[in-house]
Amino acid sequence: MTRIAFGDGAFEVDASVVAEGLGIAVPLLQAQLRSGKITTLSERGIDADRGRHRLTFFSEHRRFRLVIDERGMIIQRSTLDFGRSPLPMSAHRPGG
């Protein structure tokens, strides 16, 4: 089972996990992260979701999301794929 390291507000996710979720190779993921073509969002759970974090990665056509527990274990992953169409702005909203 994959574990996500985090501390001081920063998360460390294995590149292969994100690359797989976005459907691209690791070198392309790294290049697109550096160029800003892939962006990220992290959210901290409240109330019933306290202790959980949602990490979202956005590419041109896909959104990949991980939900992790307080130990950094991935408890949910999902990908929203728009094929050849650009990812709509509504897919970039927190919690959406």
PDB file of N, CA and C in Angstrom:
ATOM      1  N   MET A   1       0.838  -1.175   0.000  1.00  0.00           N
ATOM      2  CA  MET A   1       0.000   0.000   0.000  1.00  0.00           C
ATOM      3  C   MET A   1       0.890   1.247   0.000  1.00  0.00           C
ATOM      4  N   THR A   2       0.543   2.222  -0.807  1.00  0.00           N
ATOM      5  CA  THR A   2       1.334   3.437  -0.956  1.00  0.00           C
ATOM      6  C   THR A   2       1.065   4.398   0.197  1.00  0.00           C
ATOM      7  N   ARG A   3       2.134   4.990   0.679  1.00  0.00           N
ATOM      8  CA  ARG A   3       2.026   5.961   1.758  1.00  0.00           C
ATOM      9  C   ARG A   3       2.544   7.309   1.269  1.00  0.00           C
ATOM     10  N   ILE A   4       1.862   8.359   1.657  1.00  0.00           N
ATOM     11  CA  ILE A   4       2.230   9.721   1.303  1.00  0.00           C
ATOM     12  C   ILE A   4       2.892  10.353   2.523  1.00  0.00           C
ATOM     13  N   ALA A   5       4.076  10.912   2.346  1.00  0.00           N
ATOM     14  CA  ALA A   5       4.765  11.590   3.437  1.00  0.00           C
ATOM     15  C   ALA A   5       4.296  13.041   3.488  1.00  0.00           C
ATOM     16  N   PHE A   6       4.054  13.530   4.704  1.00  0.00           N
ATOM     17  CA  PHE A   6       3.690  14.937   4.820  1.00  0.00           C
ATOM     18  C   PHE A   6       4.101  15.499   6.169  1.00  0.00           C
ATOM     19  N   GLY A   7       4.306  16.794   6.159  1.00  0.00           N
ATOM     20  CA  GLY A   7       4.696  17.521   7.357  1.00  0.00           C
ATOM     21  C   GLY A   7       4.945  18.969   7.016  1.00  0.00           C
ATOM     22  N   ASP A   8       4.701  19.853   7.955  1.00  0.00           N
ATOM     23  CA  ASP A   8       4.884  21.296   7.750  1.00  0.00           C
ATOM     24  C   ASP A   8       4.117  21.804   6.531  1.00  0.00           C
ATOM     25  N   GLY A   9       2.939  21.241   6.280  1.00  0.00           N
ATOM     26  CA  GLY A   9       2.099  21.702   5.175  1.00  0.00           C
ATOM     27  C   GLY A   9       2.526  21.235   3.799  1.00  0.00           C
ATOM     28  N   ALA A  10       3.530  20.363   3.710  1.00  0.00           N
ATOM     29  CA  ALA A  10       4.006  19.866   2.414  1.00  0.00           C
ATOM     30  C   ALA A  10       3.732  18.371   2.306  1.00  0.00           C
ATOM     31  N   PHE A  11       3.459  17.929   1.099  1.00  0.00           N
ATOM     32  CA  PHE A  11       3.188  16.525   0.819  1.00  0.00           C
ATOM     33  C   PHE A  11       4.223  16.001  -0.159  1.00  0.00           C
ATOM     34  N   GLU A  12       4.623  14.756   0.011  1.00  0.00           N
ATOM     35  CA  GLU A  12       5.559  14.115  -0.901  1.00  0.00           C
ATOM     36  C   GLU A  12       4.898  12.858  -1.449  1.00  0.00           C
ATOM     37  N   VAL A  13       4.554  12.918  -2.730  1.00  0.00           N
ATOM     38  CA  VAL A  13       3.860  11.831  -3.407  1.00  0.00           C
ATOM     39  C   VAL A  13       4.799  11.231  -4.440  1.00  0.00           C
ATOM     40  N   ASP A  14       4.895   9.917  -4.478  1.00  0.00           N
ATOM     41  CA  ASP A  14       5.731   9.251  -5.472  1.00  0.00           C
ATOM     42  C   ASP A  14       5.251   9.651  -6.866  1.00  0.00           C
ATOM     43  N   ALA A  15       6.161  10.080  -7.711  1.00  0.00           N
ATOM     44  CA  ALA A  15       5.825  10.546  -9.059  1.00  0.00           C
ATOM     45  C   ALA A  15       5.097   9.483  -9.864  1.00  0.00           C
ATOM     46  N   SER A  16       5.416   8.211  -9.653  1.00  0.00           N
ATOM     47  CA  SER A  16       4.767   7.154 -10.429  1.00  0.00           C
ATOM     48  C   SER A  16       3.276   7.053 -10.109  1.00  0.00           C
ATOM     49  N   VAL A  17       2.884   7.373  -8.879  1.00  0.00           N
ATOM     50  CA  VAL A  17       1.473   7.342  -8.496  1.00  0.00           C
ATOM     51  C   VAL A  17       0.709   8.427  -9.260  1.00  0.00           C
ATOM     52  N   VAL A  18       1.272   9.621  -9.287  1.00  0.00           N
ATOM     53  CA  VAL A  18       0.612  10.734  -9.974  1.00  0.00           C
ATOM     54  C   VAL A  18       0.624  10.524 -11.489  1.00  0.00           C
ATOM     55  N   ALA A  19       1.751  10.083 -12.016  1.00  0.00           N
ATOM     56  CA  ALA A  19       1.851   9.842 -13.460  1.00  0.00           C
ATOM     57  C   ALA A  19       0.816   8.814 -13.903  1.00  0.00           C
ATOM     58  N   GLU A  20       0.671   7.744 -13.142  1.00  0.00           N
ATOM     59  CA  GLU A  20      -0.324   6.725 -13.479  1.00  0.00           C
ATOM     60  C   GLU A  20      -1.731   7.307 -13.449  1.00  0.00           C
ATOM     61  N   GLY A  21      -2.024   8.091 -12.417  1.00  0.00           N
ATOM     62  CA  GLY A  21      -3.345   8.697 -12.295  1.00  0.00           C
ATOM     63  C   GLY A  21      -3.678   9.659 -13.417  1.00  0.00           C
ATOM     64  N   LEU A  22      -2.664  10.354 -13.917  1.00  0.00           N
ATOM     65  CA  LEU A  22      -2.878  11.293 -15.022  1.00  0.00           C
ATOM     66  C   LEU A  22      -2.684  10.642 -16.390  1.00  0.00           C
ATOM     67  N   GLY A  23      -2.253   9.380 -16.394  1.00  0.00           N
ATOM     68  CA  GLY A  23      -2.096   8.649 -17.658  1.00  0.00           C
ATOM     69  C   GLY A  23      -0.910   9.108 -18.482  1.00  0.00           C
ATOM     70  N   ILE A  24       0.178   9.521 -17.820  1.00  0.00           N
ATOM     71  CA  ILE A  24       1.370   9.968 -18.540  1.00  0.00           C
ATOM     72  C   ILE A  24       2.612   9.312 -17.935  1.00  0.00           C
ATOM     73  N   ALA A  25       3.726   9.423 -18.626  1.00  0.00           N
ATOM     74  CA  ALA A  25       4.992   8.879 -18.137  1.00  0.00           C
ATOM     75  C   ALA A  25       5.598   9.826 -17.090  1.00  0.00           C
ATOM     76  N   VAL A  26       6.392   9.264 -16.183  1.00  0.00           N
ATOM     77  CA  VAL A  26       7.012  10.056 -15.114  1.00  0.00           C
ATOM     78  C   VAL A  26       7.844  11.225 -15.649  1.00  0.00           C
ATOM     79  N   PRO A  27       8.705  11.038 -16.674  1.00  0.00           N
ATOM     80  CA  PRO A  27       9.475  12.197 -17.161  1.00  0.00           C
ATOM     81  C   PRO A  27       8.588  13.336 -17.680  1.00  0.00           C
ATOM     82  N   LEU A  28       7.473  12.984 -18.328  1.00  0.00           N
ATOM     83  CA  LEU A  28       6.550  14.018 -18.804  1.00  0.00           C
ATOM     84  C   LEU A  28       5.878  14.701 -17.616  1.00  0.00           C
ATOM     85  N   LEU A  29       5.505  13.945 -16.612  1.00  0.00           N
ATOM     86  CA  LEU A  29       4.925  14.527 -15.398  1.00  0.00           C
ATOM     87  C   LEU A  29       5.884  15.547 -14.793  1.00  0.00           C
ATOM     88  N   GLN A  30       7.139  15.157 -14.627  1.00  0.00           N
ATOM     89  CA  GLN A  30       8.124  16.050 -14.021  1.00  0.00           C
ATOM     90  C   GLN A  30       8.316  17.314 -14.853  1.00  0.00           C
ATOM     91  N   ALA A  31       8.385  17.164 -16.160  1.00  0.00           N
ATOM     92  CA  ALA A  31       8.553  18.330 -17.040  1.00  0.00           C
ATOM     93  C   ALA A  31       7.341  19.254 -16.959  1.00  0.00           C
ATOM     94  N   GLN A  32       6.139  18.678 -16.942  1.00  0.00           N
ATOM     95  CA  GLN A  32       4.932  19.505 -16.896  1.00  0.00           C
ATOM     96  C   GLN A  32       4.727  20.150 -15.529  1.00  0.00           C
ATOM     97  N   LEU A  33       5.172  19.505 -14.460  1.00  0.00           N
ATOM     98  CA  LEU A  33       5.142  20.154 -13.144  1.00  0.00           C
ATOM     99  C   LEU A  33       6.073  21.362 -13.123  1.00  0.00           C
ATOM    100  N   ARG A  34       7.274  21.192 -13.664  1.00  0.00           N
ATOM    101  CA  ARG A  34       8.247  22.293 -13.694  1.00  0.00           C
ATOM    102  C   ARG A  34       7.740  23.468 -14.529  1.00  0.00           C
ATOM    103  N   SER A  35       7.063  23.170 -15.637  1.00  0.00           N
ATOM    104  CA  SER A  35       6.604  24.236 -16.528  1.00  0.00           C
ATOM    105  C   SER A  35       5.272  24.844 -16.100  1.00  0.00           C
ATOM    106  N   GLY A  36       4.628  24.247 -15.093  1.00  0.00           N
ATOM    107  CA  GLY A  36       3.346  24.768 -14.630  1.00  0.00           C
ATOM    108  C   GLY A  36       2.147  24.242 -15.389  1.00  0.00           C
ATOM    109  N   LYS A  37       2.349  23.286 -16.296  1.00  0.00           N
ATOM    110  CA  LYS A  37       1.228  22.704 -17.043  1.00  0.00           C
ATOM    111  C   LYS A  37       0.422  21.748 -16.182  1.00  0.00           C
ATOM    112  N   ILE A  38       1.038  21.214 -15.144  1.00  0.00           N
ATOM    113  CA  ILE A  38       0.327  20.419 -14.147  1.00  0.00           C
ATOM    114  C   ILE A  38       0.360  21.217 -12.853  1.00  0.00           C
ATOM    115  N   THR A  39      -0.822  21.415 -12.285  1.00  0.00           N
ATOM    116  CA  THR A  39      -0.933  22.171 -11.047  1.00  0.00           C
ATOM    117  C   THR A  39      -1.535  21.274  -9.961  1.00  0.00           C
ATOM    118  N   THR A  40      -1.460  21.737  -8.722  1.00  0.00           N
ATOM    119  CA  THR A  40      -1.934  20.937  -7.598  1.00  0.00           C
ATOM    120  C   THR A  40      -2.783  21.772  -6.649  1.00  0.00           C
ATOM    121  N   LEU A  41      -3.563  21.064  -5.857  1.00  0.00           N
ATOM    122  CA  LEU A  41      -4.377  21.684  -4.815  1.00  0.00           C
ATOM    123  C   LEU A  41      -4.411  20.702  -3.657  1.00  0.00           C
ATOM    124  N   SER A  42      -4.217  21.186  -2.432  1.00  0.00           N
ATOM    125  CA  SER A  42      -4.369  20.321  -1.258  1.00  0.00           C
ATOM    126  C   SER A  42      -5.428  20.917  -0.352  1.00  0.00           C
ATOM    127  N   GLU A  43      -6.247  20.031   0.223  1.00  0.00           N
ATOM    128  CA  GLU A  43      -7.318  20.450   1.108  1.00  0.00           C
ATOM    129  C   GLU A  43      -7.264  19.606   2.377  1.00  0.00           C
ATOM    130  N   ARG A  44      -7.537  20.215   3.498  1.00  0.00           N
ATOM    131  CA  ARG A  44      -7.542  19.533   4.791  1.00  0.00           C
ATOM    132  C   ARG A  44      -8.995  19.277   5.188  1.00  0.00           C
ATOM    133  N   GLY A  45      -9.292  18.050   5.599  1.00  0.00           N
ATOM    134  CA  GLY A  45     -10.642  17.691   6.004  1.00  0.00           C
ATOM    135  C   GLY A  45     -11.048  18.346   7.315  1.00  0.00           C
ATOM    136  N   ILE A  46     -12.340  18.616   7.438  1.00  0.00           N
ATOM    137  CA  ILE A  46     -12.895  19.160   8.671  1.00  0.00           C
ATOM    138  C   ILE A  46     -14.058  18.276   9.112  1.00  0.00           C
ATOM    139  N   ASP A  47     -14.498  18.456  10.341  1.00  0.00           N
ATOM    140  CA  ASP A  47     -15.623  17.722  10.914  1.00  0.00           C
ATOM    141  C   ASP A  47     -15.443  16.217  10.716  1.00  0.00           C
ATOM    142  N   ALA A  48     -16.344  15.559   9.996  1.00  0.00           N
ATOM    143  CA  ALA A  48     -16.278  14.099   9.818  1.00  0.00           C
ATOM    144  C   ALA A  48     -15.025  13.666   9.056  1.00  0.00           C
ATOM    145  N   ASP A  49     -14.421  14.578   8.297  1.00  0.00           N
ATOM    146  CA  ASP A  49     -13.226  14.260   7.511  1.00  0.00           C
ATOM    147  C   ASP A  49     -11.943  14.731   8.187  1.00  0.00           C
ATOM    148  N   ARG A  50     -12.022  15.100   9.444  1.00  0.00           N
ATOM    149  CA  ARG A  50     -10.848  15.566  10.192  1.00  0.00           C
ATOM    150  C   ARG A  50      -9.753  14.495  10.148  1.00  0.00           C
ATOM    151  N   GLY A  51      -8.521  14.918   9.889  1.00  0.00           N
ATOM    152  CA  GLY A  51      -7.398  13.989   9.789  1.00  0.00           C
ATOM    153  C   GLY A  51      -7.135  13.520   8.373  1.00  0.00           C
ATOM    154  N   ARG A  52      -8.046  13.807   7.470  1.00  0.00           N
ATOM    155  CA  ARG A  52      -7.865  13.432   6.060  1.00  0.00           C
ATOM    156  C   ARG A  52      -7.412  14.646   5.254  1.00  0.00           C
ATOM    157  N   HIS A  53      -6.767  14.344   4.142  1.00  0.00           N
ATOM    158  CA  HIS A  53      -6.344  15.381   3.201  1.00  0.00           C
ATOM    159  C   HIS A  53      -6.735  14.922   1.806  1.00  0.00           C
ATOM    160  N   ARG A  54      -7.114  15.880   0.976  1.00  0.00           N
ATOM    161  CA  ARG A  54      -7.413  15.591  -0.430  1.00  0.00           C
ATOM    162  C   ARG A  54      -6.370  16.318  -1.272  1.00  0.00           C
ATOM    163  N   LEU A  55      -5.645  15.558  -2.067  1.00  0.00           N
ATOM    164  CA  LEU A  55      -4.615  16.100  -2.948  1.00  0.00           C
ATOM    165  C   LEU A  55      -5.105  15.949  -4.381  1.00  0.00           C
ATOM    166  N   THR A  56      -5.130  17.045  -5.113  1.00  0.00           N
ATOM    167  CA  THR A  56      -5.644  17.022  -6.479  1.00  0.00           C
ATOM    168  C   THR A  56      -4.572  17.536  -7.427  1.00  0.00           C
ATOM    169  N   PHE A  57      -4.431  16.830  -8.551  1.00  0.00           N
ATOM    170  CA  PHE A  57      -3.460  17.164  -9.593  1.00  0.00           C
ATOM    171  C   PHE A  57      -4.231  17.412 -10.880  1.00  0.00           C
ATOM    172  N   PHE A  58      -3.955  18.546 -11.514  1.00  0.00           N
ATOM    173  CA  PHE A  58      -4.668  18.944 -12.729  1.00  0.00           C
ATOM    174  C   PHE A  58      -3.715  18.972 -13.914  1.00  0.00           C
ATOM    175  N   SER A  59      -4.097  18.297 -14.988  1.00  0.00           N
ATOM    176  CA  SER A  59      -3.370  18.420 -16.252  1.00  0.00           C
ATOM    177  C   SER A  59      -4.332  19.054 -17.250  1.00  0.00           C
ATOM    178  N   GLU A  60      -3.923  19.123 -18.475  1.00  0.00           N
ATOM    179  CA  GLU A  60      -4.761  19.769 -19.492  1.00  0.00           C
ATOM    180  C   GLU A  60      -6.106  19.062 -19.669  1.00  0.00           C
ATOM    181  N   HIS A  61      -6.109  17.730 -19.579  1.00  0.00           N
ATOM    182  CA  HIS A  61      -7.314  16.960 -19.871  1.00  0.00           C
ATOM    183  C   HIS A  61      -7.800  16.079 -18.726  1.00  0.00           C
ATOM    184  N   ARG A  62      -7.070  16.032 -17.621  1.00  0.00           N
ATOM    185  CA  ARG A  62      -7.420  15.136 -16.522  1.00  0.00           C
ATOM    186  C   ARG A  62      -7.272  15.797 -15.158  1.00  0.00           C
ATOM    187  N   ARG A  63      -8.068  15.276 -14.225  1.00  0.00           N
ATOM    188  CA  ARG A  63      -7.924  15.624 -12.820  1.00  0.00           C
ATOM    189  C   ARG A  63      -7.726  14.312 -12.061  1.00  0.00           C
ATOM    190  N   PHE A  64      -6.657  14.225 -11.295  1.00  0.00           N
ATOM    191  CA  PHE A  64      -6.368  13.044 -10.487  1.00  0.00           C
ATOM    192  C   PHE A  64      -6.418  13.455  -9.026  1.00  0.00           C
ATOM    193  N   ARG A  65      -7.165  12.696  -8.230  1.00  0.00           N
ATOM    194  CA  ARG A  65      -7.364  13.067  -6.832  1.00  0.00           C
ATOM    195  C   ARG A  65      -7.029  11.888  -5.921  1.00  0.00           C
ATOM    196  N   LEU A  66      -6.316  12.205  -4.832  1.00  0.00           N
ATOM    197  CA  LEU A  66      -6.009  11.242  -3.779  1.00  0.00           C
ATOM    198  C   LEU A  66      -6.597  11.746  -2.474  1.00  0.00           C
ATOM    199  N   VAL A  67      -7.197  10.841  -1.714  1.00  0.00           N
ATOM    200  CA  VAL A  67      -7.617  11.152  -0.355  1.00  0.00           C
ATOM    201  C   VAL A  67      -6.745  10.289   0.542  1.00  0.00           C
ATOM    202  N   ILE A  68      -6.113  10.955   1.517  1.00  0.00           N
ATOM    203  CA  ILE A  68      -5.225  10.222   2.417  1.00  0.00           C
ATOM    204  C   ILE A  68      -5.693  10.398   3.852  1.00  0.00           C
ATOM    205  N   ASP A  69      -5.377   9.402   4.681  1.00  0.00           N
ATOM    206  CA  ASP A  69      -5.739   9.490   6.091  1.00  0.00           C
ATOM    207  C   ASP A  69      -4.618  10.147   6.886  1.00  0.00           C
ATOM    208  N   GLU A  70      -4.796  10.207   8.211  1.00  0.00           N
ATOM    209  CA  GLU A  70      -3.835  10.899   9.069  1.00  0.00           C
ATOM    210  C   GLU A  70      -2.462  10.243   9.104  1.00  0.00           C
ATOM    211  N   ARG A  71      -2.354   8.982   8.658  1.00  0.00           N
ATOM    212  CA  ARG A  71      -1.063   8.292   8.598  1.00  0.00           C
ATOM    213  C   ARG A  71      -0.401   8.425   7.226  1.00  0.00           C
ATOM    214  N   GLY A  72      -1.102   9.069   6.280  1.00  0.00           N
ATOM    215  CA  GLY A  72      -0.562   9.213   4.936  1.00  0.00           C
ATOM    216  C   GLY A  72      -0.913   8.072   4.004  1.00  0.00           C
ATOM    217  N   MET A  73      -1.813   7.189   4.437  1.00  0.00           N
ATOM    218  CA  MET A  73      -2.219   6.062   3.596  1.00  0.00           C
ATOM    219  C   MET A  73      -3.292   6.523   2.613  1.00  0.00           C
ATOM    220  N   ILE A  74      -3.165   6.116   1.371  1.00  0.00           N
ATOM    221  CA  ILE A  74      -4.164   6.462   0.356  1.00  0.00           C
ATOM    222  C   ILE A  74      -5.411   5.629   0.630  1.00  0.00           C
ATOM    223  N   ILE A  75      -6.535   6.314   0.831  1.00  0.00           N
ATOM    224  CA  ILE A  75      -7.783   5.602   1.066  1.00  0.00           C
ATOM    225  C   ILE A  75      -8.763   5.743  -0.098  1.00  0.00           C
ATOM    226  N   GLN A  76      -8.462   6.648  -1.023  1.00  0.00           N
ATOM    227  CA  GLN A  76      -9.307   6.788  -2.206  1.00  0.00           C
ATOM    228  C   GLN A  76      -8.499   7.459  -3.305  1.00  0.00           C
ATOM    229  N   ARG A  77      -8.709   7.020  -4.532  1.00  0.00           N
ATOM    230  CA  ARG A  77      -8.126   7.690  -5.695  1.00  0.00           C
ATOM    231  C   ARG A  77      -9.164   7.724  -6.797  1.00  0.00           C
ATOM    232  N   SER A  78      -9.145   8.813  -7.546  1.00  0.00           N
ATOM    233  CA  SER A  78     -10.094   8.941  -8.650  1.00  0.00           C
ATOM    234  C   SER A  78      -9.482   9.799  -9.748  1.00  0.00           C
ATOM    235  N   THR A  79      -9.898   9.506 -10.967  1.00  0.00           N
ATOM    236  CA  THR A  79      -9.453  10.270 -12.125  1.00  0.00           C
ATOM    237  C   THR A  79     -10.671  10.717 -12.915  1.00  0.00           C
ATOM    238  N   LEU A  80     -10.679  11.969 -13.285  1.00  0.00           N
ATOM    239  CA  LEU A  80     -11.699  12.538 -14.144  1.00  0.00           C
ATOM    240  C   LEU A  80     -11.006  12.837 -15.468  1.00  0.00           C
ATOM    241  N   ASP A  81     -11.421  12.153 -16.537  1.00  0.00           N
ATOM    242  CA  ASP A  81     -10.736  12.235 -17.835  1.00  0.00           C
ATOM    243  C   ASP A  81     -11.677  12.838 -18.864  1.00  0.00           C
ATOM    244  N   PHE A  82     -11.270  13.928 -19.478  1.00  0.00           N
ATOM    245  CA  PHE A  82     -12.070  14.580 -20.504  1.00  0.00           C
ATOM    246  C   PHE A  82     -11.591  14.261 -21.913  1.00  0.00           C
ATOM    247  N   GLY A  83     -10.783  13.215 -22.040  1.00  0.00           N
ATOM    248  CA  GLY A  83     -10.317  12.791 -23.364  1.00  0.00           C
ATOM    249  C   GLY A  83      -9.540  13.888 -24.049  1.00  0.00           C
ATOM    250  N   ARG A  84      -9.979  14.282 -25.220  1.00  0.00           N
ATOM    251  CA  ARG A  84      -9.276  15.325 -25.983  1.00  0.00           C
ATOM    252  C   ARG A  84      -9.756  16.738 -25.644  1.00  0.00           C
ATOM    253  N   SER A  85     -10.819  16.833 -24.872  1.00  0.00           N
ATOM    254  CA  SER A  85     -11.353  18.145 -24.496  1.00  0.00           C
ATOM    255  C   SER A  85     -10.591  18.689 -23.291  1.00  0.00           C
ATOM    256  N   PRO A  86     -10.448  19.998 -23.230  1.00  0.00           N
ATOM    257  CA  PRO A  86      -9.769  20.588 -22.067  1.00  0.00           C
ATOM    258  C   PRO A  86     -10.574  20.365 -20.788  1.00  0.00           C
ATOM    259  N   LEU A  87      -9.893  20.277 -19.683  1.00  0.00           N
ATOM    260  CA  LEU A  87     -10.529  20.153 -18.372  1.00  0.00           C
ATOM    261  C   LEU A  87     -11.301  21.440 -18.107  1.00  0.00           C
ATOM    262  N   PRO A  88     -12.610  21.363 -17.840  1.00  0.00           N
ATOM    263  CA  PRO A  88     -13.385  22.593 -17.606  1.00  0.00           C
ATOM    264  C   PRO A  88     -12.981  23.254 -16.294  1.00  0.00           C
ATOM    265  N   MET A  89     -13.181  24.545 -16.198  1.00  0.00           N
ATOM    266  CA  MET A  89     -12.829  25.282 -14.988  1.00  0.00           C
ATOM    267  C   MET A  89     -13.589  24.754 -13.771  1.00  0.00           C
ATOM    268  N   SER A  90     -14.805  24.244 -13.972  1.00  0.00           N
ATOM    269  CA  SER A  90     -15.577  23.712 -12.854  1.00  0.00           C
ATOM    270  C   SER A  90     -14.881  22.528 -12.187  1.00  0.00           C
ATOM    271  N   ALA A  91     -14.015  21.819 -12.915  1.00  0.00           N
ATOM    272  CA  ALA A  91     -13.275  20.684 -12.352  1.00  0.00           C
ATOM    273  C   ALA A  91     -12.104  21.148 -11.486  1.00  0.00           C
ATOM    274  N   HIS A  92     -11.816  22.446 -11.498  1.00  0.00           N
ATOM    275  CA  HIS A  92     -10.725  22.997 -10.694  1.00  0.00           C
ATOM    276  C   HIS A  92     -11.179  23.520  -9.342  1.00  0.00           C
ATOM    277  N   ARG A  93     -12.481  23.476  -9.078  1.00  0.00           N
ATOM    278  CA  ARG A  93     -12.985  23.992  -7.801  1.00  0.00           C
ATOM    279  C   ARG A  93     -12.648  23.053  -6.657  1.00  0.00           C
ATOM    280  N   PRO A  94     -12.281  23.581  -5.514  1.00  0.00           N
ATOM    281  CA  PRO A  94     -12.058  22.723  -4.326  1.00  0.00           C
ATOM    282  C   PRO A  94     -13.326  21.956  -4.001  1.00  0.00           C
ATOM    283  N   GLY A  95     -13.161  20.693  -3.645  1.00  0.00           N
ATOM    284  CA  GLY A  95     -14.283  19.863  -3.248  1.00  0.00           C
ATOM    285  C   GLY A  95     -15.167  19.404  -4.389  1.00  0.00           C
ATOM    286  N   GLY A  96     -14.922  19.905  -5.580  1.00  0.00           N
ATOM    287  CA  GLY A  96     -15.780  19.592  -6.727  1.00  0.00           C
ATOM    288  C   GLY A  96     -15.520  18.258  -7.351  1.00  0.00           C
TER     289      GLY A  96
END
